Amino acid sequence: MTAARRLGRDVRRVTAADLPDVLAFQAHHYGAGARQTEAATVAWRGTRHPLRAPEIPEMWLCHRNEAVVGVQAGLPFELEAGGQRLRSLWAIDLMVAPEWRLRGVAPALLAALTGSRPVTVALGVAEAAQKAMRRAGWQDLGDAPRWWRLLRPLPPSVGGKARALSRLAAPAMTAADRLALPPLIAATGVACVRLERFDARADAIWEACRRDYAVMARRDGAALRWRFDDAPGAAAYRRYLLLRGGRPLGYFVLRESVEARRGLHRALLVDFLCPRRWQAVLLAHAVVAARRTGAVVLQCLCPAPAAGRALAATGFARRPGQRLMVHIRPDAEESFAHLRDPSRWFVTFADSDLDHLPVPEEGGYFTATSPRPAAASTDAGDD
């Protein structure tokens, strides 16, 4: 019997009675005040989640010697694929006590997680975890690229070639933004308005778009209101609605961040959705909105097949991104084999928990840096 199977007997779904011990474990390993232990985040993932089954977030623990030695969390979502709607999980927040690493705890926790749903997805998988996950039956779909768009020259605090290149490219980008984007926007008759909260128009956008993308998480009104309007830190999001002839066409969401060390003002295009043929127009509006915030660069995450052509057409440059992996339970292989095709997927920063992780300062937008905490990045490397 493998270590993972032996430890599987010590893995169970977290109950309300377990929650204090689990939160204490996370506080110890993630640090005091970590988002995993915040009451608002726990409630948002549990009682306030539109797909909630229990009253607490979906988590599994491994209990050894009368102590919690590992925790794995899952974030529920509905996957739309080929006209099918499937309740699935994002794999998040795997943490194993250091003295129990490389002893089968992480594989046992992952096995419990993947066994609970026909399909489990992970986005932003650290390199240390990828090999172990592939051995456990996960399909590696490659990177979902990051895309960055220069809005202004980088500040002096960002040195080296990146700043030199930005000083050369910024005038051309500024001219394009002033001379090319307004006519493009005006010619289409697409207006952009700011929203305080998502309303019923989000459902109309979803219905118009859901068959235009082969595989993506459901983005109807209920999902968007939970994800942005009810989330901890909801005030940080800027929501925009695209209208054409008074009818809803699409939406996008921005969030700003400023690096403490270098003072680089950045905007994240956290999420966006519209029919494929309108992507370039939506991105043009997003660039205009991001410039108005004073941001220096605008970044988004999206697989190239889903929107790469529109991103390139509106001045975004492709950079290494976040690893996307999917696990299909053996009894569901025949029904969901098409999920193994990376060209079908549409994901953004709003999927999984990437938007709630800190954006890395070192290297910023110009290197392939994973935002996942270092402690969590090594946990799944167990044999």
Protein backbone atom coordinates (compact mmCIF):
# COMPACT_ATOMS: atom_id res chain seq x y z
CA MET A 1 0.00 0.00 0.00
CA THR A 2 1.38 3.44 -0.95
CA ALA A 3 1.97 6.18 1.60
CA ALA A 4 -0.84 8.22 0.03
CA ARG A 5 -3.30 5.33 0.44
CA ARG A 6 -2.26 4.73 4.02
CA LEU A 7 -2.61 8.40 4.83
CA GLY A 8 -5.91 8.49 2.96
CA ARG A 9 -7.44 6.86 6.02
CA ASP A 10 -6.43 9.98 7.96
CA VAL A 11 -7.90 12.42 5.43
CA ARG A 12 -11.46 13.65 5.83
CA ARG A 13 -13.74 16.48 4.81
CA VAL A 14 -13.52 19.44 7.19
CA THR A 15 -16.57 19.90 9.40
CA ALA A 16 -17.68 22.84 11.51
CA ALA A 17 -16.10 21.15 14.53
CA ASP A 18 -12.75 20.92 12.68
CA LEU A 19 -12.73 24.52 11.50
CA PRO A 20 -11.01 26.11 14.56
CA ASP A 21 -8.12 23.64 14.34
CA VAL A 22 -7.86 24.12 10.55
CA LEU A 23 -7.78 27.91 10.86
CA ALA A 24 -5.14 27.68 13.59
CA PHE A 25 -3.05 25.43 11.33
CA GLN A 26 -3.35 27.89 8.45
CA ALA A 27 -2.57 30.87 10.65
CA HIS A 28 0.59 29.13 11.84
CA HIS A 29 1.83 28.25 8.36
CA TYR A 30 0.57 31.19 6.28
CA GLY A 31 1.11 33.80 8.96
CA ALA A 32 -1.13 35.90 11.16
CA GLY A 33 -3.72 37.84 9.18
CA ALA A 34 -3.46 35.61 6.10
CA ARG A 35 -6.51 35.68 3.84
CA GLN A 36 -7.11 31.96 4.50
CA THR A 37 -7.95 32.77 8.13
CA GLU A 38 -9.93 35.98 7.67
CA ALA A 39 -13.52 35.64 8.84
CA ALA A 40 -14.78 37.53 5.77
CA THR A 41 -12.98 35.16 3.39
CA VAL A 42 -14.16 32.05 5.23
CA ALA A 43 -17.77 33.28 5.09
CA TRP A 44 -17.44 34.33 1.44
CA ARG A 45 -16.22 30.89 0.45
CA GLY A 46 -18.77 29.10 2.63
CA THR A 47 -22.15 30.50 3.61
CA ARG A 48 -22.12 33.24 0.96
CA HIS A 49 -21.07 31.03 -1.96
CA PRO A 50 -23.92 30.53 -4.49
CA LEU A 51 -22.99 26.85 -4.92
CA ARG A 52 -22.51 26.12 -1.23
CA ALA A 53 -23.46 22.68 -0.01
CA PRO A 54 -22.02 22.85 3.53
CA GLU A 55 -21.94 25.94 5.70
CA ILE A 56 -18.15 26.10 5.60
CA PRO A 57 -15.68 26.24 2.69
CA GLU A 58 -14.91 22.96 0.95
CA MET A 59 -11.72 21.71 2.59
CA TRP A 60 -10.04 18.44 3.48
CA LEU A 61 -7.59 17.81 6.32
CA CYS A 62 -5.04 15.16 7.18
CA HIS A 63 -4.96 14.34 10.89
CA ARG A 64 -1.97 12.53 12.43
CA ASN A 65 -0.91 12.12 16.04
CA GLU A 66 -3.95 14.12 17.16
CA ALA A 67 -2.92 17.13 15.09
CA VAL A 68 -3.71 18.64 11.68
CA VAL A 69 -0.69 18.09 9.43
CA GLY A 70 -2.13 19.15 6.08
CA VAL A 71 -5.05 21.00 4.51
CA GLN A 72 -6.36 21.16 0.95
CA ALA A 73 -9.14 23.56 -0.09
CA GLY A 74 -11.43 23.59 -3.09
CA LEU A 75 -13.32 26.55 -4.56
CA PRO A 76 -16.60 25.43 -6.20
CA PHE A 77 -17.59 26.66 -9.63
CA GLU A 78 -19.80 25.60 -12.53
CA LEU A 79 -17.90 24.57 -15.64
CA GLU A 80 -19.60 25.14 -19.00
CA ALA A 81 -18.22 22.79 -21.62
CA GLY A 82 -19.79 21.70 -24.87
CA GLY A 83 -23.26 22.71 -23.75
CA GLN A 84 -22.90 20.83 -20.47
CA ARG A 85 -22.92 22.42 -17.02
CA LEU A 86 -20.78 20.63 -14.47
CA ARG A 87 -20.17 21.41 -10.81
CA SER A 88 -16.40 21.45 -10.41
CA LEU A 89 -13.67 22.63 -8.03
CA TRP A 90 -10.63 24.85 -8.30
CA ALA A 91 -7.81 23.29 -6.28
CA ILE A 92 -6.42 25.99 -3.95
CA ASP A 93 -4.48 26.45 -0.70
CA LEU A 94 -2.66 23.15 -0.35
CA MET A 95 -0.50 23.35 2.78
CA VAL A 96 1.46 20.57 4.50
CA ALA A 97 3.41 20.96 7.74
CA PRO A 98 7.15 20.95 6.89
CA GLU A 99 7.89 17.85 8.97
CA TRP A 100 5.23 15.92 7.01
CA ARG A 101 6.31 16.87 3.51
CA LEU A 102 7.56 14.12 1.18
CA ARG A 103 5.64 11.60 3.30
CA GLY A 104 2.52 11.23 1.16
CA VAL A 105 0.30 13.84 2.81
CA ALA A 106 -0.14 16.09 -0.24
CA PRO A 107 -1.02 13.23 -2.64
CA ALA A 108 -3.55 11.90 -0.11
CA LEU A 109 -5.19 15.32 0.19
CA LEU A 110 -5.24 15.79 -3.59
CA ALA A 111 -6.78 12.34 -4.02
CA ALA A 112 -9.60 13.29 -1.64
CA LEU A 113 -10.16 16.55 -3.48
CA THR A 114 -10.24 15.03 -6.98
CA GLY A 115 -12.41 12.16 -5.84
CA SER A 116 -15.15 14.54 -4.76
CA ARG A 117 -15.94 15.89 -8.26
CA PRO A 118 -15.78 14.50 -11.80
CA VAL A 119 -13.55 17.45 -12.81
CA THR A 120 -11.05 19.43 -10.72
CA VAL A 121 -8.99 22.29 -12.13
CA ALA A 122 -5.86 24.07 -10.89
CA LEU A 123 -4.59 27.42 -12.17
CA GLY A 124 -1.25 28.90 -11.17
CA VAL A 125 0.36 25.54 -10.33
CA ALA A 126 3.92 26.02 -9.07
CA GLU A 127 6.68 24.16 -10.88
CA ALA A 128 7.45 22.08 -7.78
CA ALA A 129 3.91 20.68 -7.78
CA GLN A 130 3.47 19.94 -11.48
CA LYS A 131 5.43 16.68 -11.59
CA ALA A 132 3.59 15.18 -8.62
CA MET A 133 0.22 16.21 -10.04
CA ARG A 134 1.00 14.66 -13.42
CA ARG A 135 1.88 11.41 -11.65
CA ALA A 136 -1.49 11.60 -9.89
CA GLY A 137 -3.35 11.74 -13.20
CA TRP A 138 -3.61 15.47 -13.80
CA GLN A 139 -3.44 16.68 -17.40
CA ASP A 140 -0.98 19.52 -17.95
CA LEU A 141 -2.59 22.08 -20.29
CA GLY A 142 0.41 24.40 -20.38
CA ASP A 143 0.56 28.07 -19.51
CA ALA A 144 -2.28 30.55 -19.67
CA PRO A 145 -0.15 33.52 -20.78
CA ARG A 146 0.05 36.85 -19.05
CA TRP A 147 -0.35 39.82 -21.36
CA TRP A 148 0.88 43.29 -20.53
CA ARG A 149 0.12 46.59 -22.18
CA LEU A 150 2.32 49.64 -21.66
CA LEU A 151 0.34 52.79 -20.91
CA ARG A 152 3.15 55.15 -19.85
CA PRO A 153 6.95 55.00 -19.55
CA LEU A 154 8.07 52.97 -16.57
CA PRO A 155 9.23 55.05 -13.59
CA PRO A 156 12.94 55.42 -12.71
CA SER A 157 12.45 52.93 -9.88
CA VAL A 158 12.18 50.22 -12.56
CA GLY A 159 15.67 49.98 -13.96
CA GLY A 160 17.41 47.98 -16.66
CA LYS A 161 16.28 47.09 -20.17
CA ALA A 162 12.59 47.11 -19.28
CA ARG A 163 12.59 50.83 -18.53
CA ALA A 164 14.76 51.66 -21.57
CA LEU A 165 12.41 49.74 -23.85
CA SER A 166 9.38 51.39 -22.27
CA ARG A 167 10.77 54.85 -23.00
CA LEU A 168 11.11 53.90 -26.66
CA ALA A 169 7.71 52.23 -26.92
CA ALA A 170 5.62 54.60 -24.79
CA PRO A 171 5.34 57.46 -27.34
CA ALA A 172 4.04 55.07 -30.00
CA MET A 173 1.59 53.53 -27.54
CA THR A 174 0.39 56.95 -26.41
CA ALA A 175 -0.13 58.07 -30.00
CA ALA A 176 -2.03 54.88 -30.79
CA ASP A 177 -4.21 55.35 -27.73
CA ARG A 178 -5.03 58.93 -28.69
CA LEU A 179 -5.29 58.54 -32.45
CA ALA A 180 -6.34 54.94 -33.14
CA LEU A 181 -8.48 53.79 -30.24
CA PRO A 182 -11.07 56.61 -30.19
CA PRO A 183 -11.99 56.16 -33.89
CA LEU A 184 -12.18 52.39 -33.41
CA ILE A 185 -14.50 52.82 -30.44
CA ALA A 186 -16.61 55.51 -32.13
CA ALA A 187 -17.02 53.54 -35.34
CA THR A 188 -18.50 50.58 -33.51
CA GLY A 189 -21.07 52.55 -31.57
CA VAL A 190 -20.15 50.69 -28.39
CA ALA A 191 -20.49 52.72 -25.21
CA CYS A 192 -18.78 51.94 -21.88
CA VAL A 193 -20.44 52.76 -18.55
CA ARG A 194 -19.26 52.25 -14.98
CA LEU A 195 -21.26 49.91 -12.72
CA GLU A 196 -21.52 49.91 -8.95
CA ARG A 197 -22.72 46.30 -8.91
CA PHE A 198 -23.54 43.69 -11.51
CA ASP A 199 -27.23 43.54 -12.36
CA ALA A 200 -29.58 41.50 -14.56
CA ARG A 201 -27.74 42.63 -17.69
CA ALA A 202 -24.91 40.29 -16.72
CA ASP A 203 -27.24 37.34 -17.39
CA ALA A 204 -27.97 38.64 -20.89
CA ILE A 205 -24.22 38.89 -21.60
CA TRP A 206 -23.68 35.38 -20.33
CA GLU A 207 -26.42 33.92 -22.51
CA ALA A 208 -24.98 35.69 -25.56
CA CYS A 209 -21.44 34.45 -24.87
CA ARG A 210 -21.72 31.02 -23.26
CA ARG A 211 -21.62 29.13 -26.57
CA ASP A 212 -18.92 31.35 -28.05
CA TYR A 213 -16.25 29.82 -25.80
CA ALA A 214 -15.83 26.05 -25.62
CA VAL A 215 -14.78 25.66 -21.96
CA MET A 216 -15.03 28.23 -19.18
CA ALA A 217 -16.38 28.83 -15.70
CA ARG A 218 -19.95 30.08 -15.61
CA ARG A 219 -20.08 33.89 -15.54
CA ASP A 220 -23.75 34.69 -15.08
CA GLY A 221 -25.10 37.40 -12.77
CA ALA A 222 -25.06 35.25 -9.65
CA ALA A 223 -21.45 34.19 -10.22
CA LEU A 224 -20.26 37.74 -10.93
CA ARG A 225 -22.06 39.25 -7.95
CA TRP A 226 -20.48 36.66 -5.64
CA ARG A 227 -17.05 36.99 -7.25
CA PHE A 228 -16.83 40.78 -7.29
CA ASP A 229 -19.71 42.50 -5.49
CA ASP A 230 -19.74 40.33 -2.37
CA ALA A 231 -16.03 39.50 -2.19
CA PRO A 232 -13.74 40.73 0.58
CA GLY A 233 -12.25 43.96 -0.75
CA ALA A 234 -15.07 44.43 -3.26
CA ALA A 235 -14.50 48.20 -3.30
CA ALA A 236 -11.18 47.67 -5.11
CA TYR A 237 -12.92 46.50 -8.28
CA ARG A 238 -13.99 48.82 -11.09
CA ARG A 239 -16.81 47.24 -13.07
CA TYR A 240 -17.61 48.35 -16.62
CA LEU A 241 -20.49 47.47 -18.91
CA LEU A 242 -20.38 47.68 -22.72
CA LEU A 243 -23.59 48.72 -24.46
CA ARG A 244 -24.47 48.80 -28.14
CA GLY A 245 -27.77 50.33 -29.10
CA GLY A 246 -28.68 50.31 -25.43
CA ARG A 247 -28.27 46.52 -25.21
CA PRO A 248 -25.59 44.85 -23.05
CA LEU A 249 -22.68 43.55 -25.10
CA GLY A 250 -19.96 42.69 -22.58
CA TYR A 251 -18.23 43.61 -19.34
CA PHE A 252 -14.77 43.98 -17.89
CA VAL A 253 -13.36 44.44 -14.39
CA LEU A 254 -10.24 46.37 -13.41
CA ARG A 255 -8.28 46.43 -10.17
CA GLU A 256 -5.29 48.63 -9.35
CA SER A 257 -2.16 47.70 -7.46
CA VAL A 258 0.97 49.62 -6.52
CA GLU A 259 4.25 47.88 -5.79
CA ALA A 260 5.46 48.89 -2.35
CA ARG A 261 9.13 48.56 -3.31
CA ARG A 262 9.22 50.24 -6.70
CA GLY A 263 6.06 52.32 -6.64
CA LEU A 264 4.91 50.92 -9.99
CA HIS A 265 1.24 51.73 -10.53
CA ARG A 266 -0.39 48.82 -12.31
CA ALA A 267 -3.89 47.91 -13.41
CA LEU A 268 -5.14 44.35 -13.68
CA LEU A 269 -7.79 43.42 -16.21
CA VAL A 270 -9.19 40.91 -13.75
CA ASP A 271 -12.00 39.59 -15.93
CA PHE A 272 -13.76 40.29 -19.21
CA LEU A 273 -16.37 38.68 -21.42
CA CYS A 274 -18.08 39.53 -24.69
CA PRO A 275 -18.75 37.75 -28.00
CA ARG A 276 -15.45 36.92 -29.68
CA ARG A 277 -15.92 39.35 -32.55
CA TRP A 278 -16.15 42.26 -30.10
CA GLN A 279 -13.02 41.41 -28.07
CA ALA A 280 -10.80 44.08 -29.64
CA VAL A 281 -13.41 46.76 -28.93
CA LEU A 282 -13.74 45.63 -25.31
CA LEU A 283 -9.96 45.65 -24.86
CA ALA A 284 -9.73 49.13 -26.39
CA HIS A 285 -12.23 50.36 -23.80
CA ALA A 286 -10.24 48.62 -21.07
CA VAL A 287 -7.03 50.37 -22.17
CA VAL A 288 -8.80 53.75 -22.11
CA ALA A 289 -10.26 53.06 -18.65
CA ALA A 290 -6.89 51.87 -17.30
CA ARG A 291 -5.12 54.99 -18.61
CA ARG A 292 -7.62 57.15 -16.75
CA THR A 293 -6.61 55.53 -13.46
CA GLY A 294 -3.04 56.73 -13.98
CA ALA A 295 -1.68 53.19 -14.28
CA VAL A 296 1.64 52.63 -16.04
CA VAL A 297 0.88 49.12 -17.31
CA LEU A 298 -2.23 47.02 -17.79
CA GLN A 299 -2.00 43.25 -17.35
CA CYS A 300 -4.38 40.39 -17.98
CA LEU A 301 -4.30 36.60 -18.06
CA CYS A 302 -5.88 34.67 -20.94
CA PRO A 303 -5.00 31.67 -23.13
CA ALA A 304 -3.88 32.72 -26.61
CA PRO A 305 -6.54 30.70 -28.51
CA ALA A 306 -9.29 32.42 -26.51
CA ALA A 307 -8.34 36.06 -27.14
CA GLY A 308 -4.70 36.28 -28.26
CA ARG A 309 -5.43 37.85 -31.63
CA ALA A 310 -7.50 40.66 -30.11
CA LEU A 311 -4.94 41.23 -27.35
CA ALA A 312 -2.10 41.54 -29.85
CA ALA A 313 -4.18 43.86 -32.05
CA THR A 314 -4.70 46.24 -29.14
CA GLY A 315 -1.03 46.41 -28.19
CA PHE A 316 -0.67 43.70 -25.54
CA ALA A 317 2.60 41.74 -25.39
CA ARG A 318 2.63 38.09 -24.37
CA ARG A 319 4.63 36.90 -21.38
CA PRO A 320 4.93 33.54 -19.58
CA GLY A 321 1.89 32.94 -17.43
CA GLN A 322 0.18 30.57 -15.04
CA ARG A 323 0.11 26.79 -15.41
CA LEU A 324 -3.34 25.29 -16.02
CA MET A 325 -3.99 21.64 -15.07
CA VAL A 326 -7.14 19.53 -15.03
CA HIS A 327 -8.02 16.24 -13.34
CA ILE A 328 -10.81 14.12 -14.78
CA ARG A 329 -12.04 11.34 -12.53
CA PRO A 330 -11.66 7.90 -14.21
CA ASP A 331 -15.41 7.30 -14.31
CA ALA A 332 -15.87 10.61 -16.18
CA GLU A 333 -13.05 10.24 -18.73
CA GLU A 334 -15.32 9.31 -21.63
CA SER A 335 -17.72 12.20 -21.04
CA PHE A 336 -15.13 14.93 -20.49
CA ALA A 337 -12.09 13.93 -22.54
CA HIS A 338 -12.47 17.16 -24.56
CA LEU A 339 -11.36 19.10 -21.47
CA ARG A 340 -7.84 17.86 -22.12
CA ASP A 341 -7.58 20.17 -25.15
CA PRO A 342 -5.91 23.40 -23.95
CA SER A 343 -7.09 25.35 -27.01
CA ARG A 344 -10.69 25.15 -25.75
CA TRP A 345 -10.18 26.91 -22.42
CA PHE A 346 -10.98 30.50 -21.47
CA VAL A 347 -9.61 31.64 -18.09
CA THR A 348 -8.71 34.99 -16.55
CA PHE A 349 -7.37 36.28 -13.23
CA ALA A 350 -10.91 35.94 -11.88
CA ASP A 351 -10.73 32.16 -12.07
CA SER A 352 -9.48 30.11 -9.12
CA ASP A 353 -7.98 32.44 -6.50
CA LEU A 354 -5.30 34.16 -8.57
CA ASP A 355 -6.83 37.60 -8.15
CA HIS A 356 -6.70 37.21 -4.37
CA LEU A 357 -3.00 36.35 -4.31
CA PRO A 358 -0.36 39.07 -4.11
CA VAL A 359 1.03 40.24 -7.43
CA PRO A 360 4.82 39.69 -7.33
CA GLU A 361 7.04 42.73 -7.13
CA GLU A 362 10.33 41.14 -8.18
CA GLY A 363 10.37 41.21 -11.96
CA GLY A 364 6.85 42.61 -12.07
CA TYR A 365 5.25 42.09 -15.44
CA PHE A 366 8.48 41.35 -17.21
CA THR A 367 9.43 37.93 -15.87
CA ALA A 368 7.61 34.64 -15.38
CA THR A 369 6.96 34.93 -11.68
CA SER A 370 4.25 32.91 -9.95
CA PRO A 371 2.16 34.85 -7.42
CA ARG A 372 1.49 31.80 -5.30
CA PRO A 373 3.10 31.99 -1.84
CA ALA A 374 6.44 30.20 -1.59
CA ALA A 375 5.21 27.94 1.21
CA ALA A 376 2.32 26.69 -0.85
CA SER A 377 4.44 26.25 -3.95
CA THR A 378 6.35 23.29 -2.51
CA ASP A 379 3.61 21.36 -0.79
CA ALA A 380 2.45 19.19 -3.66
CA GLY A 381 5.90 17.87 -4.43
CA ASP A 382 5.32 14.82 -2.21
CA ASP A 383 5.90 11.35 -3.59
